[in-house]
N, C-alpha and C. Protein backbone atom coordinates (compact mmCIF):
# COMPACT_ATOMS: atom_id res chain seq x y z
N MET A 1 85.65 114.28 95.60
CA MET A 1 86.64 114.21 94.54
C MET A 1 88.04 114.09 95.15
N ARG A 2 88.80 113.15 94.66
CA ARG A 2 90.17 112.93 95.15
C ARG A 2 91.12 113.95 94.58
N GLY A 3 92.20 114.19 95.30
CA GLY A 3 93.25 115.06 94.81
C GLY A 3 94.20 114.28 93.91
N PRO A 4 95.36 114.87 93.62
CA PRO A 4 96.33 114.19 92.78
C PRO A 4 96.94 112.97 93.48
N ASP A 5 97.49 112.06 92.68
CA ASP A 5 98.17 110.90 93.26
C ASP A 5 99.36 111.36 94.09
N PRO A 6 99.71 110.59 95.14
CA PRO A 6 100.88 110.94 95.95
C PRO A 6 102.15 111.01 95.10
N LYS A 7 103.05 111.91 95.51
CA LYS A 7 104.29 112.11 94.76
C LYS A 7 105.19 110.87 94.83
N TYR A 8 105.28 110.29 96.01
CA TYR A 8 106.15 109.13 96.19
C TYR A 8 105.30 107.87 96.35
N GLN A 9 105.46 106.94 95.43
CA GLN A 9 104.76 105.67 95.48
C GLN A 9 105.80 104.56 95.35
N PRO A 10 106.37 104.12 96.48
CA PRO A 10 107.43 103.10 96.40
C PRO A 10 106.91 101.77 95.87
N GLU A 11 107.75 101.10 95.11
CA GLU A 11 107.47 99.74 94.64
C GLU A 11 108.40 98.81 95.40
N PHE A 12 107.83 98.00 96.26
CA PHE A 12 108.61 97.18 97.16
C PHE A 12 108.97 95.83 96.55
N PRO A 13 110.18 95.33 96.84
CA PRO A 13 110.50 93.94 96.47
C PRO A 13 109.63 92.99 97.29
N ARG A 14 109.24 91.89 96.71
CA ARG A 14 108.35 90.93 97.35
C ARG A 14 108.89 90.46 98.70
N GLU A 15 110.21 90.18 98.79
CA GLU A 15 110.76 89.68 100.05
C GLU A 15 110.68 90.74 101.16
N PHE A 16 110.78 92.02 100.80
CA PHE A 16 110.67 93.10 101.79
C PHE A 16 109.24 93.16 102.33
N VAL A 17 108.26 92.99 101.46
CA VAL A 17 106.86 93.00 101.89
C VAL A 17 106.58 91.78 102.78
N CYS A 18 107.14 90.64 102.43
CA CYS A 18 106.95 89.42 103.25
C CYS A 18 107.57 89.60 104.63
N GLU A 19 108.75 90.21 104.68
CA GLU A 19 109.42 90.50 105.96
C GLU A 19 108.57 91.45 106.80
N ALA A 20 108.01 92.48 106.17
CA ALA A 20 107.17 93.45 106.87
C ALA A 20 105.90 92.78 107.40
N ALA A 21 105.29 91.94 106.59
CA ALA A 21 104.08 91.24 107.01
C ALA A 21 104.37 90.33 108.21
N ALA A 22 105.53 89.71 108.22
CA ALA A 22 105.91 88.85 109.34
C ALA A 22 106.07 89.67 110.62
N ILE A 23 106.65 90.85 110.51
CA ILE A 23 106.80 91.72 111.67
C ILE A 23 105.43 92.15 112.20
N CYS A 24 104.50 92.43 111.30
CA CYS A 24 103.15 92.83 111.71
C CYS A 24 102.45 91.74 112.50
N ARG A 25 102.78 90.49 112.23
CA ARG A 25 102.14 89.36 112.92
C ARG A 25 102.79 89.04 114.27
N GLN A 26 103.97 89.58 114.53
CA GLN A 26 104.67 89.28 115.79
C GLN A 26 104.02 90.03 116.94
N PRO A 27 103.59 89.32 117.98
CA PRO A 27 102.95 90.01 119.10
C PRO A 27 103.92 90.84 119.94
N THR A 28 105.21 90.57 119.83
CA THR A 28 106.18 91.29 120.64
C THR A 28 107.06 92.22 119.80
N ALA A 29 106.62 92.58 118.61
CA ALA A 29 107.41 93.47 117.75
C ALA A 29 107.49 94.86 118.37
N GLU A 30 108.65 95.47 118.23
CA GLU A 30 108.84 96.85 118.70
C GLU A 30 107.82 97.74 117.97
N HIS A 31 107.20 98.65 118.70
CA HIS A 31 106.09 99.42 118.14
C HIS A 31 106.48 100.22 116.90
N ARG A 32 107.63 100.89 116.94
CA ARG A 32 108.02 101.69 115.77
C ARG A 32 108.32 100.81 114.57
N LEU A 33 108.85 99.61 114.78
CA LEU A 33 109.04 98.68 113.67
C LEU A 33 107.71 98.19 113.13
N TRP A 34 106.76 97.93 114.04
CA TRP A 34 105.43 97.52 113.62
C TRP A 34 104.79 98.60 112.76
N GLN A 35 104.92 99.87 113.18
CA GLN A 35 104.32 100.97 112.42
C GLN A 35 104.89 101.02 111.00
N ARG A 36 106.19 100.91 110.89
CA ARG A 36 106.85 100.97 109.58
C ARG A 36 106.47 99.75 108.73
N ALA A 37 106.45 98.58 109.36
CA ALA A 37 106.09 97.37 108.63
C ALA A 37 104.64 97.46 108.16
N ARG A 38 103.77 97.98 108.99
CA ARG A 38 102.37 98.12 108.61
C ARG A 38 102.23 99.10 107.44
N MET A 39 103.04 100.17 107.44
CA MET A 39 103.02 101.11 106.32
C MET A 39 103.38 100.40 105.02
N VAL A 40 104.39 99.54 105.08
CA VAL A 40 104.82 98.80 103.89
C VAL A 40 103.67 97.93 103.38
N VAL A 41 103.02 97.21 104.28
CA VAL A 41 101.93 96.32 103.89
C VAL A 41 100.78 97.13 103.29
N LEU A 42 100.42 98.23 103.93
CA LEU A 42 99.32 99.06 103.42
C LEU A 42 99.66 99.66 102.06
N LEU A 43 100.88 100.13 101.89
CA LEU A 43 101.28 100.72 100.61
C LEU A 43 101.40 99.67 99.51
N ASP A 44 101.75 98.45 99.89
CA ASP A 44 101.80 97.38 98.90
C ASP A 44 100.39 97.03 98.43
N GLU A 45 99.44 97.05 99.35
CA GLU A 45 98.05 96.76 98.99
C GLU A 45 97.42 97.88 98.18
N ASN A 46 97.76 99.14 98.52
CA ASN A 46 97.18 100.30 97.84
C ASN A 46 98.26 101.37 97.66
N PRO A 47 99.04 101.30 96.57
CA PRO A 47 100.13 102.25 96.37
C PRO A 47 99.69 103.71 96.27
N ALA A 48 98.45 103.95 95.91
CA ALA A 48 97.97 105.33 95.76
C ALA A 48 97.38 105.89 97.06
N ALA A 49 97.51 105.16 98.16
CA ALA A 49 96.98 105.64 99.44
C ALA A 49 97.71 106.93 99.83
N SER A 50 96.96 107.87 100.38
CA SER A 50 97.56 109.15 100.76
C SER A 50 98.28 109.03 102.10
N SER A 51 99.19 109.94 102.33
CA SER A 51 99.92 109.95 103.60
C SER A 51 99.00 110.14 104.80
N PRO A 52 98.00 111.04 104.74
CA PRO A 52 97.10 111.15 105.89
C PRO A 52 96.32 109.86 106.18
N GLU A 53 95.92 109.14 105.14
CA GLU A 53 95.20 107.87 105.35
C GLU A 53 96.10 106.86 106.05
N ILE A 54 97.33 106.74 105.57
CA ILE A 54 98.29 105.80 106.17
C ILE A 54 98.61 106.23 107.60
N ALA A 55 98.81 107.53 107.80
CA ALA A 55 99.14 108.05 109.13
C ALA A 55 98.06 107.72 110.15
N ASP A 56 96.80 107.88 109.75
CA ASP A 56 95.69 107.54 110.65
C ASP A 56 95.68 106.06 110.99
N GLU A 57 96.00 105.24 110.02
CA GLU A 57 95.96 103.79 110.21
C GLU A 57 97.05 103.30 111.16
N VAL A 58 98.26 103.88 111.08
CA VAL A 58 99.38 103.37 111.88
C VAL A 58 99.72 104.23 113.09
N GLY A 59 99.09 105.40 113.22
CA GLY A 59 99.32 106.23 114.40
C GLY A 59 100.57 107.07 114.33
N LEU A 60 100.90 107.56 113.14
CA LEU A 60 102.05 108.45 112.97
C LEU A 60 101.59 109.78 112.40
N HIS A 61 102.45 110.77 112.43
CA HIS A 61 102.16 112.04 111.77
C HIS A 61 102.36 111.85 110.27
N GLU A 62 101.55 112.55 109.49
CA GLU A 62 101.64 112.36 108.04
C GLU A 62 103.00 112.77 107.48
N ALA A 63 103.72 113.68 108.13
CA ALA A 63 105.06 114.04 107.68
C ALA A 63 106.02 112.86 107.81
N SER A 64 105.85 112.07 108.87
CA SER A 64 106.69 110.87 109.05
C SER A 64 106.41 109.86 107.95
N VAL A 65 105.14 109.71 107.60
CA VAL A 65 104.77 108.78 106.53
C VAL A 65 105.39 109.24 105.22
N ARG A 66 105.32 110.55 104.94
CA ARG A 66 105.92 111.07 103.70
C ARG A 66 107.43 110.83 103.67
N ASN A 67 108.10 111.01 104.81
CA ASN A 67 109.55 110.78 104.86
C ASN A 67 109.90 109.32 104.56
N TRP A 68 109.13 108.39 105.13
CA TRP A 68 109.39 106.97 104.86
C TRP A 68 109.09 106.62 103.41
N LYS A 69 108.00 107.16 102.86
CA LYS A 69 107.67 106.89 101.46
C LYS A 69 108.77 107.41 100.54
N LYS A 70 109.30 108.58 100.86
CA LYS A 70 110.38 109.16 100.05
C LYS A 70 111.63 108.28 100.13
N ARG A 71 111.96 107.83 101.33
CA ARG A 71 113.14 106.98 101.51
C ARG A 71 112.99 105.67 100.75
N TRP A 72 111.83 105.04 100.85
CA TRP A 72 111.60 103.78 100.16
C TRP A 72 111.55 103.98 98.65
N SER A 73 111.05 105.11 98.20
CA SER A 73 111.00 105.39 96.75
C SER A 73 112.39 105.54 96.16
N SER A 74 113.35 105.95 97.00
CA SER A 74 114.73 106.11 96.52
C SER A 74 115.47 104.77 96.46
N GLY A 75 114.82 103.69 96.93
CA GLY A 75 115.44 102.36 96.85
C GLY A 75 116.02 101.87 98.16
N ASP A 76 115.91 102.64 99.23
CA ASP A 76 116.43 102.24 100.54
C ASP A 76 115.34 101.47 101.28
N PHE A 77 115.31 100.15 101.07
CA PHE A 77 114.28 99.32 101.66
C PHE A 77 114.74 98.79 103.00
N SER A 78 114.52 99.59 104.02
CA SER A 78 114.90 99.25 105.38
C SER A 78 113.84 99.77 106.33
N LEU A 79 113.71 99.14 107.48
CA LEU A 79 112.79 99.60 108.51
C LEU A 79 113.54 100.24 109.67
N ALA A 80 114.86 100.16 109.63
CA ALA A 80 115.69 100.67 110.72
C ALA A 80 115.97 102.16 110.56
N ASP A 81 116.19 102.81 111.69
CA ASP A 81 116.59 104.21 111.66
C ASP A 81 117.98 104.33 111.04
N ARG A 82 118.24 105.46 110.43
CA ARG A 82 119.58 105.73 109.90
C ARG A 82 120.50 106.17 111.03
N GLU A 83 121.80 106.01 110.80
CA GLU A 83 122.78 106.50 111.76
C GLU A 83 122.61 108.00 111.91
N ARG A 84 122.75 108.49 113.11
CA ARG A 84 122.64 109.91 113.36
C ARG A 84 124.02 110.47 113.61
N SER A 85 124.22 111.69 113.18
CA SER A 85 125.51 112.33 113.41
C SER A 85 125.57 112.87 114.83
N GLY A 86 126.76 113.19 115.25
CA GLY A 86 126.92 113.78 116.57
C GLY A 86 127.41 112.80 117.60
N ARG A 87 127.60 113.32 118.76
CA ARG A 87 128.10 112.54 119.87
C ARG A 87 127.03 111.56 120.36
N PRO A 88 127.44 110.32 120.65
CA PRO A 88 126.46 109.37 121.16
C PRO A 88 125.96 109.81 122.55
N PRO A 89 124.72 109.47 122.88
CA PRO A 89 124.23 109.85 124.21
C PRO A 89 125.00 109.16 125.31
N LYS A 90 125.18 109.87 126.40
CA LYS A 90 125.93 109.33 127.54
C LYS A 90 125.01 109.31 128.74
N PHE A 91 124.97 108.18 129.39
CA PHE A 91 124.15 108.06 130.58
C PHE A 91 125.02 107.55 131.70
N ASP A 92 125.15 108.36 132.75
CA ASP A 92 125.88 107.94 133.94
C ASP A 92 124.87 107.48 134.97
N GLY A 93 124.94 106.22 135.30
CA GLY A 93 124.01 105.68 136.31
C GLY A 93 124.16 106.42 137.62
N LEU A 94 123.07 106.54 138.31
CA LEU A 94 123.09 107.28 139.59
C LEU A 94 123.46 106.41 140.74
């Protein structure tokens, strides 16, 4: 018996899903972008998919999947990380 439907079920614009599908097909796509793009494609195919199911499919923790679903449900259709506060990292070459 299944549990309740997921709280966040984003509805993606068609062009965003097409962009995500294109990233999934790129052999040289950055891995974290591929994971996010794959989440979009999977959620577009099955909006009621649970976070643990998606997490297993893309290799992320289910909390990360929930965070992305929440962000996309709010209308922020992006695959990029948000700006972080604080001082930028500094690397002094040796």
